[in-house]
């Protein structure tokens, strides 16, 4: 995670969280806006961190991309402010109802005055921000070429739909060349092409035609002219009016055939770029700071039950990080909530300083669910890891596992794999638990399923992976007798003869039926 969160200015510490479902590349498009937020908030005295999917207990969390999936319960466990960059309302993007409920129920920051009336009864509750010049984009080692030396005529990037394609085809019929990407491209890899383009083309995706401020500020800050469609519904804001080259449906052909083709375009564009360097909406972000402070104060005043982050425990982090869970990993660079190696012997309880949850204590019997997705095949000492998981789960708690099947091409393809697994890989944790030194509890196999490489259920012949659900259960008296029989020290009775009947703290005193079963061998003797 990037950045410190200790504020010395009275300004609340801010954490910028970009939501990204696993493998969803378009979340990278949110990074442009998040970095601009960081730039302005740091100027105003805030300590700012930024991360993917991770929330922080000690910060005001500003969430980008919550429409991609965000559990509302997290906004009760963490102080959250939602940054809406989507086009809402009539003619805009169709958002999941759950996202609109988030915007109605929690603090929001928006970029266009047309959005808040679709989700707030009083839109004045929502501070509006705009985007201006980003000096950090103009300070790179590679300066943009003069416009007349750039190899690309017009560059378009963004999601393609029939509306945009039709506009691009009309433009190309005027003699212009529009360069597009054949795959999503973001970040510095995309910016290389922006700096080599005579201009970037912008045309609206939705009929709502809200002006794409994020795209515009980023391109203009990189020193590249911005050419944008304008409809009757487009309200770009005063800062963009003189800095953007506008065309309409009626004058499209004339604009690109004459104005854009003219030698005077470069001179006009240079003046527009110079004018944009003076655009600085810092006063709007001062209101964002006030909004963050008020949101944090309101959140802290609400009574809520203490959160037990261990209740949902994921072994692994990195790309698989789960918001609201306690994500553990052995690698610091995976940015887990805590770094701990569960394949090593541990003494519970154990306390950790977490950058996300604060102080975390791992205790026996405190987890409802442990999830391990493609982890077990990497672990050198799997028996110890499974023993630690058994200890951390409550009775009735579940461990959900996904691993490659030994007959699939995924088994052993990773150089860090130390084993392949099949249907019988769970026997030691269920039936033969005593081999591992377990006595009072074991796992029961609740569910087993083969899945193919598209994560769909299948038969064994097409299996790429297996999903397994194990449940922690107490051992029976008969199972404990087996464990004592197979143990070299009668499962501890030689050193601790007071351990009679195998009763445990979890199961309580033996029932009359249990006592009868335990006494039966003595009666027979």
Protein backbone atom coordinates (compact mmCIF):
# COMPACT_ATOMS: atom_id res chain seq x y z
CA UNK A 1 0.00 0.00 0.00
CA UNK A 2 1.25 3.44 -0.88
CA UNK A 3 1.54 6.27 1.63
CA UNK A 4 1.42 7.10 5.33
CA UNK A 5 -1.78 7.99 7.17
CA UNK A 6 -0.63 10.03 10.18
CA UNK A 7 -1.96 13.56 9.80
CA UNK A 8 -0.29 16.49 11.56
CA UNK A 9 -2.50 19.20 10.02
CA UNK A 10 -5.96 18.42 11.40
CA UNK A 11 -6.94 17.22 7.94
CA UNK A 12 -8.22 13.62 8.09
CA UNK A 13 -6.00 10.95 6.62
CA UNK A 14 -7.43 9.72 3.32
CA UNK A 15 -7.15 6.32 1.70
CA UNK A 16 -8.05 6.04 -1.99
CA UNK A 17 -9.42 2.59 -2.79
CA UNK A 18 -9.80 1.45 -6.41
CA UNK A 19 -12.17 -1.48 -6.76
CA UNK A 20 -11.02 -4.12 -9.24
CA UNK A 21 -12.63 -7.53 -9.73
CA UNK A 22 -9.93 -10.11 -10.40
CA UNK A 23 -8.50 -9.61 -13.89
CA UNK A 24 -10.78 -6.65 -14.76
CA UNK A 25 -8.39 -4.40 -16.69
CA UNK A 26 -10.78 -1.45 -17.04
CA UNK A 27 -10.43 -0.62 -13.34
CA UNK A 28 -7.07 0.83 -14.32
CA UNK A 29 -9.02 3.66 -15.95
CA UNK A 30 -10.00 4.81 -12.44
CA UNK A 31 -6.37 5.37 -11.54
CA UNK A 32 -6.17 8.64 -13.51
CA UNK A 33 -8.85 10.23 -11.32
CA UNK A 34 -7.50 8.72 -8.10
CA UNK A 35 -4.01 10.11 -8.72
CA UNK A 36 -5.48 13.55 -9.33
CA UNK A 37 -7.39 13.31 -6.04
CA UNK A 38 -4.14 12.42 -4.31
CA UNK A 39 -2.39 15.42 -5.91
CA UNK A 40 -5.02 17.88 -4.69
CA UNK A 41 -5.54 16.37 -1.24
CA UNK A 42 -1.81 16.30 -0.48
CA UNK A 43 -1.64 19.99 -1.41
CA UNK A 44 -4.34 20.62 1.21
CA UNK A 45 -2.36 18.87 3.94
CA UNK A 46 -3.83 15.38 3.86
CA UNK A 47 -1.77 12.25 4.26
CA UNK A 48 -2.94 10.04 1.40
CA UNK A 49 -2.49 6.33 0.66
CA UNK A 50 -3.81 4.46 -2.35
CA UNK A 51 -4.43 0.76 -3.00
CA UNK A 52 -6.52 -1.76 -4.89
CA UNK A 53 -9.58 -3.23 -3.08
CA UNK A 54 -8.06 -2.55 0.36
CA UNK A 55 -9.78 -0.40 2.99
CA UNK A 56 -8.23 1.13 6.11
CA UNK A 57 -9.64 1.50 9.62
CA UNK A 58 -7.57 4.60 10.35
CA UNK A 59 -8.60 6.67 7.31
CA UNK A 60 -11.48 8.15 5.41
CA UNK A 61 -11.76 5.68 2.53
CA UNK A 62 -12.65 7.26 -0.81
CA UNK A 63 -13.95 4.48 -3.03
CA UNK A 64 -13.53 4.53 -6.81
CA UNK A 65 -15.47 1.98 -8.87
CA UNK A 66 -17.95 0.74 -6.27
CA UNK A 67 -20.36 -0.03 -9.14
CA UNK A 68 -18.11 -3.02 -9.90
CA UNK A 69 -19.11 -4.61 -6.60
CA UNK A 70 -18.99 -3.33 -3.03
CA UNK A 71 -20.56 -4.84 0.08
CA UNK A 72 -22.57 -2.18 1.92
CA UNK A 73 -21.58 -3.80 5.24
CA UNK A 74 -18.03 -2.62 4.61
CA UNK A 75 -19.24 0.99 4.74
CA UNK A 76 -20.44 0.30 8.27
CA UNK A 77 -17.15 -1.27 9.34
CA UNK A 78 -15.01 1.40 7.62
CA UNK A 79 -15.54 5.12 7.09
CA UNK A 80 -16.34 5.30 3.36
CA UNK A 81 -17.04 8.12 0.91
CA UNK A 82 -18.01 7.03 -2.61
CA UNK A 83 -16.58 8.85 -5.62
CA UNK A 84 -19.03 8.59 -8.51
CA UNK A 85 -17.48 8.96 -11.96
CA UNK A 86 -20.33 7.25 -13.84
CA UNK A 87 -22.98 8.90 -16.02
CA UNK A 88 -26.29 8.32 -14.27
CA UNK A 89 -29.93 9.08 -14.97
CA UNK A 90 -31.83 9.24 -18.26
CA UNK A 91 -29.64 8.23 -21.21
CA UNK A 92 -26.73 7.31 -18.95
CA UNK A 93 -25.15 4.08 -17.81
CA UNK A 94 -27.42 1.42 -16.33
CA UNK A 95 -26.00 0.87 -12.90
CA UNK A 96 -26.71 -2.05 -10.53
CA UNK A 97 -29.47 -1.13 -8.04
CA UNK A 98 -27.08 -1.98 -5.19
CA UNK A 99 -24.73 0.78 -6.37
CA UNK A 100 -27.48 3.40 -6.36
CA UNK A 101 -28.43 2.27 -2.86
CA UNK A 102 -24.84 2.89 -1.76
CA UNK A 103 -24.99 6.40 -3.17
CA UNK A 104 -28.29 7.05 -1.40
CA UNK A 105 -27.15 5.72 1.94
CA UNK A 106 -23.58 6.96 2.31
CA UNK A 107 -21.47 10.08 1.64
CA UNK A 108 -20.73 10.76 -2.05
CA UNK A 109 -18.50 13.00 -4.15
CA UNK A 110 -19.54 13.59 -7.79
CA UNK A 111 -18.14 15.30 -10.86
CA UNK A 112 -21.30 16.45 -12.66
CA UNK A 113 -24.34 18.31 -11.36
CA UNK A 114 -26.63 16.11 -13.48
CA UNK A 115 -25.82 13.00 -11.42
CA UNK A 116 -26.82 13.67 -7.76
CA UNK A 117 -30.56 14.19 -8.42
CA UNK A 118 -30.72 10.53 -9.53
CA UNK A 119 -29.68 9.21 -6.10
CA UNK A 120 -29.99 11.94 -3.44
CA UNK A 121 -33.15 13.71 -2.30
CA UNK A 122 -31.06 16.84 -1.66
CA UNK A 123 -28.27 17.05 -4.21
CA UNK A 124 -26.68 19.85 -2.18
CA UNK A 125 -25.40 17.14 0.16
CA UNK A 126 -22.97 16.05 -2.56
CA UNK A 127 -19.83 18.13 -3.14
CA UNK A 128 -19.01 18.53 -6.83
CA UNK A 129 -15.43 18.44 -8.03
CA UNK A 130 -13.85 19.03 -11.42
CA UNK A 131 -10.49 18.12 -12.86
CA UNK A 132 -7.82 20.57 -13.91
CA UNK A 133 -4.19 20.63 -14.90
CA UNK A 134 -2.10 17.82 -13.40
CA UNK A 135 1.49 19.10 -13.22
CA UNK A 136 2.84 15.66 -12.33
CA UNK A 137 1.91 14.49 -15.86
CA UNK A 138 3.86 17.30 -17.51
CA UNK A 139 7.06 16.71 -15.56
CA UNK A 140 8.13 13.40 -17.09
CA UNK A 141 11.55 12.84 -18.71
CA UNK A 142 10.03 12.57 -22.20
CA UNK A 143 8.56 15.80 -23.50
CA UNK A 144 5.85 15.70 -26.19
CA UNK A 145 6.86 16.32 -29.80
CA UNK A 146 5.69 19.44 -31.66
CA UNK A 147 2.24 18.77 -33.11
CA UNK A 148 3.41 18.80 -36.74
CA UNK A 149 5.99 16.09 -35.96
CA UNK A 150 3.69 13.60 -34.26
CA UNK A 151 3.15 10.30 -36.11
CA UNK A 152 -0.56 9.81 -35.26
CA UNK A 153 -3.29 12.03 -36.65
CA UNK A 154 -6.17 11.40 -34.22
CA UNK A 155 -6.15 8.92 -31.33
CA UNK A 156 -9.30 7.43 -29.85
CA UNK A 157 -9.28 5.26 -26.72
CA UNK A 158 -12.18 3.98 -24.66
CA UNK A 159 -14.95 1.42 -24.93
CA UNK A 160 -16.26 1.11 -28.48
CA UNK A 161 -19.98 1.00 -29.22
CA UNK A 162 -22.07 1.56 -32.41
CA UNK A 163 -22.54 5.24 -31.66
CA UNK A 164 -18.84 5.93 -31.35
CA UNK A 165 -17.95 3.75 -34.32
CA UNK A 166 -20.38 5.63 -36.55
CA UNK A 167 -18.79 8.98 -35.59
CA UNK A 168 -15.27 7.67 -36.22
CA UNK A 169 -16.30 6.38 -39.67
CA UNK A 170 -17.72 9.81 -40.57
CA UNK A 171 -14.48 11.47 -39.45
CA UNK A 172 -12.33 9.10 -41.51
CA UNK A 173 -14.40 9.85 -44.60
CA UNK A 174 -13.17 13.46 -44.34
CA UNK A 175 -9.62 12.23 -44.90
CA UNK A 176 -8.48 12.01 -41.27
CA UNK A 177 -6.92 8.86 -39.77
CA UNK A 178 -8.22 7.72 -36.38
CA UNK A 179 -5.93 5.38 -34.47
CA UNK A 180 -7.60 2.96 -32.03
CA UNK A 181 -6.25 0.21 -29.78
CA UNK A 182 -7.04 -3.45 -30.42
CA UNK A 183 -6.96 -4.16 -26.65
CA UNK A 184 -7.52 -2.09 -23.49
CA UNK A 185 -4.56 0.15 -22.72
CA UNK A 186 -4.09 2.35 -19.65
CA UNK A 187 -1.37 4.04 -17.64
CA UNK A 188 2.03 4.99 -19.06
CA UNK A 189 1.68 2.45 -21.90
CA UNK A 190 -1.34 4.41 -23.17
CA UNK A 191 0.24 7.80 -22.43
CA UNK A 192 3.11 7.10 -24.84
CA UNK A 193 0.56 7.08 -27.67
CA UNK A 194 -1.20 10.19 -26.36
CA UNK A 195 2.06 12.14 -26.46
CA UNK A 196 2.61 11.03 -30.07
CA UNK A 197 -0.85 12.10 -31.30
CA UNK A 198 -1.76 15.39 -32.93
CA UNK A 199 -5.00 15.27 -30.91
CA UNK A 200 -7.16 12.86 -28.93
CA UNK A 201 -10.72 12.37 -30.13
CA UNK A 202 -13.57 12.26 -27.63
CA UNK A 203 -17.12 11.21 -28.52
CA UNK A 204 -19.84 10.33 -26.05
CA UNK A 205 -20.68 6.74 -25.20
CA UNK A 206 -24.11 7.53 -23.75
CA UNK A 207 -26.98 9.70 -24.92
CA UNK A 208 -26.71 11.61 -21.63
CA UNK A 209 -23.55 13.14 -23.17
CA UNK A 210 -21.96 14.20 -19.87
CA UNK A 211 -18.54 15.57 -20.60
CA UNK A 212 -15.71 13.09 -20.03
CA UNK A 213 -13.64 15.28 -17.70
CA UNK A 214 -11.25 12.56 -16.59
CA UNK A 215 -10.19 11.78 -20.15
CA UNK A 216 -9.94 15.49 -20.99
CA UNK A 217 -7.82 16.62 -18.04
CA UNK A 218 -5.41 13.73 -18.46
CA UNK A 219 -4.85 14.32 -22.18
CA UNK A 220 -4.51 18.09 -21.86
CA UNK A 221 -2.10 17.73 -18.93
CA UNK A 222 0.08 15.48 -21.11
CA UNK A 223 0.34 18.33 -23.63
CA UNK A 224 -1.95 16.90 -26.31
CA UNK A 225 -4.95 18.78 -27.81
CA UNK A 226 -8.42 17.44 -27.05
CA UNK A 227 -11.12 17.33 -29.75
CA UNK A 228 -14.58 16.56 -28.43
CA UNK A 229 -18.10 16.01 -29.66
CA UNK A 230 -20.69 18.36 -28.18
CA UNK A 231 -24.44 17.92 -28.01
CA UNK A 232 -27.18 20.05 -26.50
CA UNK A 233 -26.84 18.06 -23.28
CA UNK A 234 -23.04 18.44 -22.94
CA UNK A 235 -22.14 20.82 -20.10
CA UNK A 236 -18.34 20.75 -19.89
CA UNK A 237 -17.82 23.43 -17.27
CA UNK A 238 -16.22 26.83 -17.67
CA UNK A 239 -12.65 25.53 -17.28
CA UNK A 240 -12.92 23.27 -20.34
CA UNK A 241 -14.85 25.63 -22.63
CA UNK A 242 -11.82 27.52 -24.01
CA UNK A 243 -9.38 24.60 -23.78
CA UNK A 244 -11.15 22.01 -25.95
CA UNK A 245 -11.82 21.91 -29.69
CA UNK A 246 -15.55 21.26 -30.12
CA UNK A 247 -17.54 19.78 -32.98
CA UNK A 248 -21.23 18.98 -33.30
CA UNK A 249 -23.21 16.51 -35.36
CA UNK A 250 -24.09 19.30 -37.80
CA UNK A 251 -20.57 20.60 -38.41
CA UNK A 252 -18.54 17.38 -38.04
CA UNK A 253 -17.50 17.11 -41.68
CA UNK A 254 -16.61 20.81 -41.99
CA UNK A 255 -14.62 20.80 -38.74
CA UNK A 256 -12.36 17.86 -39.65
CA UNK A 257 -12.03 18.67 -43.35
CA UNK A 258 -11.29 22.37 -42.83
CA UNK A 259 -10.56 23.54 -39.26
CA UNK A 260 -8.65 20.50 -38.05
CA UNK A 261 -6.76 20.22 -41.36
CA UNK A 262 -5.72 23.89 -41.32
CA UNK A 263 -2.20 24.95 -40.39
CA UNK A 264 -3.70 27.32 -37.83
CA UNK A 265 -4.96 24.40 -35.74
CA UNK A 266 -1.53 23.87 -34.11
CA UNK A 267 -1.27 27.51 -33.09
CA UNK A 268 -4.77 27.52 -31.61
CA UNK A 269 -4.14 24.22 -29.82
CA UNK A 270 -0.94 25.56 -28.25
CA UNK A 271 -2.89 28.48 -26.76
CA UNK A 272 -5.54 26.07 -25.44
CA UNK A 273 -2.90 23.91 -23.77
CA UNK A 274 -1.34 27.00 -22.21
CA UNK A 275 -4.74 28.14 -20.92
CA UNK A 276 -5.40 24.74 -19.36
CA UNK A 277 -2.21 24.91 -17.32
CA UNK A 278 -3.91 27.63 -15.26
CA UNK A 279 -6.97 25.47 -14.45
CA UNK A 280 -6.77 24.55 -10.76
CA UNK A 281 -9.97 23.57 -8.92
CA UNK A 282 -8.22 23.34 -5.54
CA UNK A 283 -11.07 25.23 -3.84
CA UNK A 284 -13.44 22.42 -4.81
CA UNK A 285 -11.13 19.89 -3.17
CA UNK A 286 -11.05 21.99 -0.01
CA UNK A 287 -14.79 21.20 0.19
CA UNK A 288 -13.91 17.52 -0.30
CA UNK A 289 -11.67 17.75 2.78
CA UNK A 290 -14.53 19.28 4.77
CA UNK A 291 -16.84 16.52 3.52
CA UNK A 292 -14.32 13.86 4.55
CA UNK A 293 -13.96 15.39 8.02
CA UNK A 294 -17.74 15.51 8.53
CA UNK A 295 -18.15 11.96 7.21
CA UNK A 296 -15.50 10.65 9.59
CA UNK A 297 -17.06 12.44 12.55
CA UNK A 298 -20.51 11.03 11.72
CA UNK A 299 -19.14 7.52 11.24
CA UNK A 300 -17.29 7.56 14.56
CA UNK A 301 -20.40 8.69 16.42
CA UNK A 302 -22.43 5.67 15.33
CA UNK A 303 -22.61 2.78 17.78
CA UNK A 304 -21.57 -0.50 16.20
CA UNK A 305 -20.44 -3.91 17.37
CA UNK A 306 -16.68 -4.51 17.33
CA UNK A 307 -15.53 -6.05 14.07
CA UNK A 308 -13.88 -9.46 14.13
CA UNK A 309 -11.80 -9.45 10.93
CA UNK A 310 -10.75 -13.06 11.55
CA UNK A 311 -14.34 -14.24 11.01
CA UNK A 312 -13.65 -14.39 7.25
CA UNK A 313 -10.06 -15.43 6.64
CA UNK A 314 -8.38 -15.75 3.25
CA UNK A 315 -5.04 -17.45 2.80
CA UNK A 316 -3.42 -15.43 0.06
CA UNK A 317 -3.54 -11.81 -1.10
CA UNK A 318 -2.26 -10.01 -4.20
CA UNK A 319 -4.69 -10.26 -7.10
CA UNK A 320 -7.10 -12.36 -5.01
CA UNK A 321 -7.48 -9.85 -2.16
CA UNK A 322 -10.99 -9.82 -0.68
CA UNK A 323 -12.34 -6.60 0.81
CA UNK A 324 -13.77 -7.03 4.29
CA UNK A 325 -11.88 -10.28 4.88
CA UNK A 326 -8.66 -10.80 6.78
CA UNK A 327 -6.20 -11.60 3.99
CA UNK A 328 -2.98 -13.29 5.12
CA UNK A 329 0.11 -14.01 3.08
CA UNK A 330 3.76 -14.86 3.59
CA UNK A 331 4.88 -12.09 1.17
CA UNK A 332 4.90 -8.40 2.11
CA UNK A 333 4.75 -7.43 -1.58
CA UNK A 334 1.34 -9.13 -1.89
CA UNK A 335 0.04 -6.34 0.42
CA UNK A 336 -1.87 -8.65 2.79
CA UNK A 337 -3.66 -7.42 5.88
CA UNK A 338 -1.13 -9.35 7.97
CA UNK A 339 2.03 -11.26 7.10
CA UNK A 340 2.03 -14.71 8.69
CA UNK A 341 3.13 -18.16 7.55
CA UNK A 342 0.42 -20.60 8.59
CA UNK A 343 2.59 -23.50 7.45
CA UNK A 344 4.80 -22.79 10.48
CA UNK A 345 3.90 -23.77 14.03
CA UNK A 346 2.11 -20.92 15.81
CA UNK A 347 1.14 -20.17 19.39
CA UNK A 348 -2.39 -18.77 19.58
CA UNK A 349 -3.53 -16.16 20.35
CA UNK A 350 -1.14 -13.98 18.40
CA UNK A 351 -1.35 -10.23 17.75
CA UNK A 352 -0.41 -8.40 14.56
CA UNK A 353 -0.20 -4.75 13.47
CA UNK A 354 -2.25 -4.53 10.28
CA UNK A 355 -2.07 -1.54 7.88
CA UNK A 356 -5.74 -2.07 7.07
CA UNK A 357 -7.45 -3.38 10.22
CA UNK A 358 -5.22 -1.89 12.92
CA UNK A 359 -4.36 -4.32 15.73
CA UNK A 360 -5.50 -7.83 14.85
CA UNK A 361 -5.49 -10.85 17.16
CA UNK A 362 -5.71 -14.34 15.70
CA UNK A 363 -7.44 -16.65 18.17
CA UNK A 364 -8.45 -20.27 18.18
CA UNK A 365 -12.07 -20.88 17.28
CA UNK A 366 -12.74 -17.35 15.94
CA UNK A 367 -13.11 -17.98 12.18
CA UNK A 368 -16.39 -18.86 10.46
CA UNK A 369 -14.83 -19.40 7.05
CA UNK A 370 -11.32 -19.89 5.70
CA UNK A 371 -10.79 -19.65 1.95
CA UNK A 372 -7.69 -20.96 0.17
CA UNK A 373 -7.72 -20.46 -3.59
CA UNK A 374 -4.84 -22.25 -5.36
CA UNK A 375 -2.62 -22.08 -2.29
CA UNK A 376 -2.27 -25.60 -0.94
CA UNK A 377 -0.24 -26.84 -3.90
CA UNK A 378 2.49 -24.30 -2.98
CA UNK A 379 2.82 -25.01 0.76
CA UNK A 380 5.86 -27.06 1.85
CA UNK A 381 4.38 -28.15 5.22
CA UNK A 382 0.73 -28.65 4.39
CA UNK A 383 -0.04 -30.68 7.53
CA UNK A 384 0.96 -27.74 9.76
CA UNK A 385 -1.08 -25.29 7.70
CA UNK A 386 -4.16 -27.49 7.89
CA UNK A 387 -3.65 -27.89 11.63
CA UNK A 388 -3.50 -24.12 12.11
CA UNK A 389 -6.66 -23.69 10.03
CA UNK A 390 -8.44 -26.35 12.09
CA UNK A 391 -7.44 -24.49 15.28
CA UNK A 392 -8.57 -21.07 14.00
CA UNK A 393 -12.00 -22.27 12.87
CA UNK A 394 -14.93 -22.50 15.25
CA UNK A 395 -16.74 -25.83 15.49
CA UNK A 396 -18.99 -25.94 12.44
CA UNK A 397 -16.76 -23.45 10.59
CA UNK A 398 -15.85 -24.17 6.98
CA UNK A 399 -12.65 -24.29 4.98
CA UNK A 400 -13.20 -23.83 1.24
CA UNK A 401 -10.33 -24.94 -0.97
CA UNK A 402 -9.61 -24.78 -4.68
CA UNK A 403 -6.60 -26.60 -6.14
CA UNK A 404 -5.56 -27.91 -9.57
CA UNK A 405 -6.46 -31.53 -10.24
CA UNK A 406 -3.43 -33.74 -10.76
CA UNK A 407 -4.57 -34.81 -14.25
CA UNK A 408 -4.95 -31.23 -15.53
CA UNK A 409 -2.39 -29.15 -17.39
CA UNK A 410 -2.50 -26.70 -14.47
CA UNK A 411 -0.89 -29.18 -12.09
CA UNK A 412 2.87 -28.58 -11.80
CA UNK A 413 2.87 -25.79 -14.41
CA UNK A 414 3.77 -23.23 -11.74
CA UNK A 415 7.44 -23.59 -10.75
CA UNK A 416 6.47 -22.98 -7.11
CA UNK A 417 4.15 -26.02 -6.97
CA UNK A 418 5.40 -28.67 -4.53
CA UNK A 419 2.60 -31.23 -4.97
CA UNK A 420 -0.28 -32.34 -7.14
CA UNK A 421 -3.62 -33.25 -5.58
CA UNK A 422 -6.52 -35.58 -6.29
CA UNK A 423 -9.69 -36.98 -4.71
CA UNK A 424 -7.77 -38.76 -1.96
CA UNK A 425 -5.74 -35.75 -0.82
CA UNK A 426 -8.25 -34.99 1.98
CA UNK A 427 -8.30 -38.34 3.75
CA UNK A 428 -5.66 -37.42 6.32
CA UNK A 429 -7.67 -34.36 7.41
CA UNK A 430 -10.94 -36.30 7.67
CA UNK A 431 -10.59 -40.07 8.32
CA UNK A 432 -6.93 -40.37 9.31
CA UNK A 433 -6.71 -37.21 11.40
CA UNK A 434 -4.80 -38.99 14.17
CA UNK A 435 -1.78 -39.38 11.85
CA UNK A 436 -1.40 -35.59 12.15
CA UNK A 437 -1.57 -35.60 15.94
CA UNK A 438 -5.11 -34.18 15.96
CA UNK A 439 -7.34 -35.44 18.72
CA UNK A 440 -10.33 -33.32 19.73
CA UNK A 441 -11.35 -32.07 16.26
CA UNK A 442 -11.06 -33.07 12.65
CA UNK A 443 -12.49 -32.08 9.29
CA UNK A 444 -15.54 -33.59 7.64
CA UNK A 445 -15.88 -33.47 3.86
CA UNK A 446 -18.98 -31.38 3.17
CA UNK A 447 -18.69 -30.90 -0.60
CA UNK A 448 -16.44 -31.97 -3.45
CA UNK A 449 -16.69 -30.84 -7.05
CA UNK A 450 -14.68 -31.00 -10.24
CA UNK A 451 -14.52 -27.75 -12.23
CA UNK A 452 -13.15 -27.03 -15.68
CA UNK A 453 -10.77 -24.27 -16.77
CA UNK A 454 -13.73 -21.85 -17.04
CA UNK A 455 -14.67 -22.55 -13.40
CA UNK A 456 -17.82 -24.45 -14.39
CA UNK A 457 -18.77 -27.78 -12.75
CA UNK A 458 -17.77 -30.80 -14.87
CA UNK A 459 -16.99 -34.51 -14.69
CA UNK A 460 -13.58 -35.88 -13.77
CA UNK A 461 -12.44 -36.34 -17.39
CA UNK A 462 -12.58 -32.56 -17.98
CA UNK A 463 -11.45 -31.44 -14.52
CA UNK A 464 -8.91 -28.64 -14.34
CA UNK A 465 -9.51 -27.92 -10.65
CA UNK A 466 -11.22 -29.32 -7.58
CA UNK A 467 -13.25 -27.36 -5.06
CA UNK A 468 -13.50 -28.88 -1.60
CA UNK A 469 -15.47 -27.73 1.45
CA UNK A 470 -14.33 -29.07 4.81
CA UNK A 471 -16.22 -28.58 8.09
CA UNK A 472 -14.59 -28.56 11.53
CA UNK A 473 -16.31 -31.09 13.81
CA UNK A 474 -15.55 -32.64 17.22
CA UNK A 475 -14.22 -36.16 17.16
CA UNK A 476 -16.42 -38.91 18.54
CA UNK A 477 -15.45 -41.07 21.48
CA UNK A 478 -14.77 -43.97 19.13
CA UNK A 479 -12.49 -41.76 17.00
CA UNK A 480 -10.59 -40.66 20.10
CA UNK A 481 -10.10 -44.28 21.08
CA UNK A 482 -8.60 -44.89 17.66
CA UNK A 483 -6.34 -41.84 18.09
CA UNK A 484 -5.17 -43.06 21.52
CA UNK A 485 -4.62 -46.56 20.18
CA UNK A 486 -2.50 -45.34 17.27
CA UNK A 487 -0.59 -42.72 19.28
CA UNK A 488 2.80 -43.67 20.81
CA UNK A 489 1.86 -41.95 24.11
CA UNK A 490 -1.86 -42.79 24.11
CA UNK A 491 -2.55 -39.21 22.91
CA UNK A 492 -0.86 -37.61 25.93
CA UNK A 493 -2.20 -39.83 28.71
CA UNK A 494 1.26 -40.98 29.80
CA UNK A 495 2.33 -37.42 30.63
CA UNK A 496 -1.17 -36.10 31.51
CA UNK A 497 -3.19 -38.93 33.07
CA UNK A 498 -5.92 -36.45 34.09
CA UNK A 499 -7.14 -36.27 30.47
CA UNK A 500 -9.97 -38.75 30.91
CA UNK A 501 -12.80 -39.51 28.49
CA UNK A 502 -11.38 -37.12 25.90
CA UNK A 503 -13.67 -34.24 26.93
CA UNK A 504 -12.72 -30.88 25.44
CA UNK A 505 -13.63 -27.28 26.12
CA UNK A 506 -15.60 -27.22 22.86
CA UNK A 507 -17.73 -30.28 23.61
CA UNK A 508 -18.25 -29.70 27.37
CA UNK A 509 -18.75 -32.47 29.96
CA UNK A 510 -19.41 -35.95 28.52
CA UNK A 511 -23.05 -36.89 28.17
CA UNK A 512 -24.40 -40.05 29.90
CA UNK A 513 -24.33 -41.80 26.53
CA UNK A 514 -20.69 -40.83 26.07
CA UNK A 515 -19.80 -42.15 29.52
CA UNK A 516 -21.51 -45.45 28.75
CA UNK A 517 -19.51 -45.87 25.57
CA UNK A 518 -16.26 -44.93 27.34
CA UNK A 519 -16.97 -47.40 30.15
CA UNK A 520 -17.87 -50.32 27.90
CA UNK A 521 -14.29 -51.59 27.38
CA UNK A 522 -13.73 -51.69 31.15
CA UNK A 523 -16.96 -53.65 31.68
CA UNK A 524 -15.92 -56.15 29.05
CA UNK A 525 -12.53 -56.57 30.67
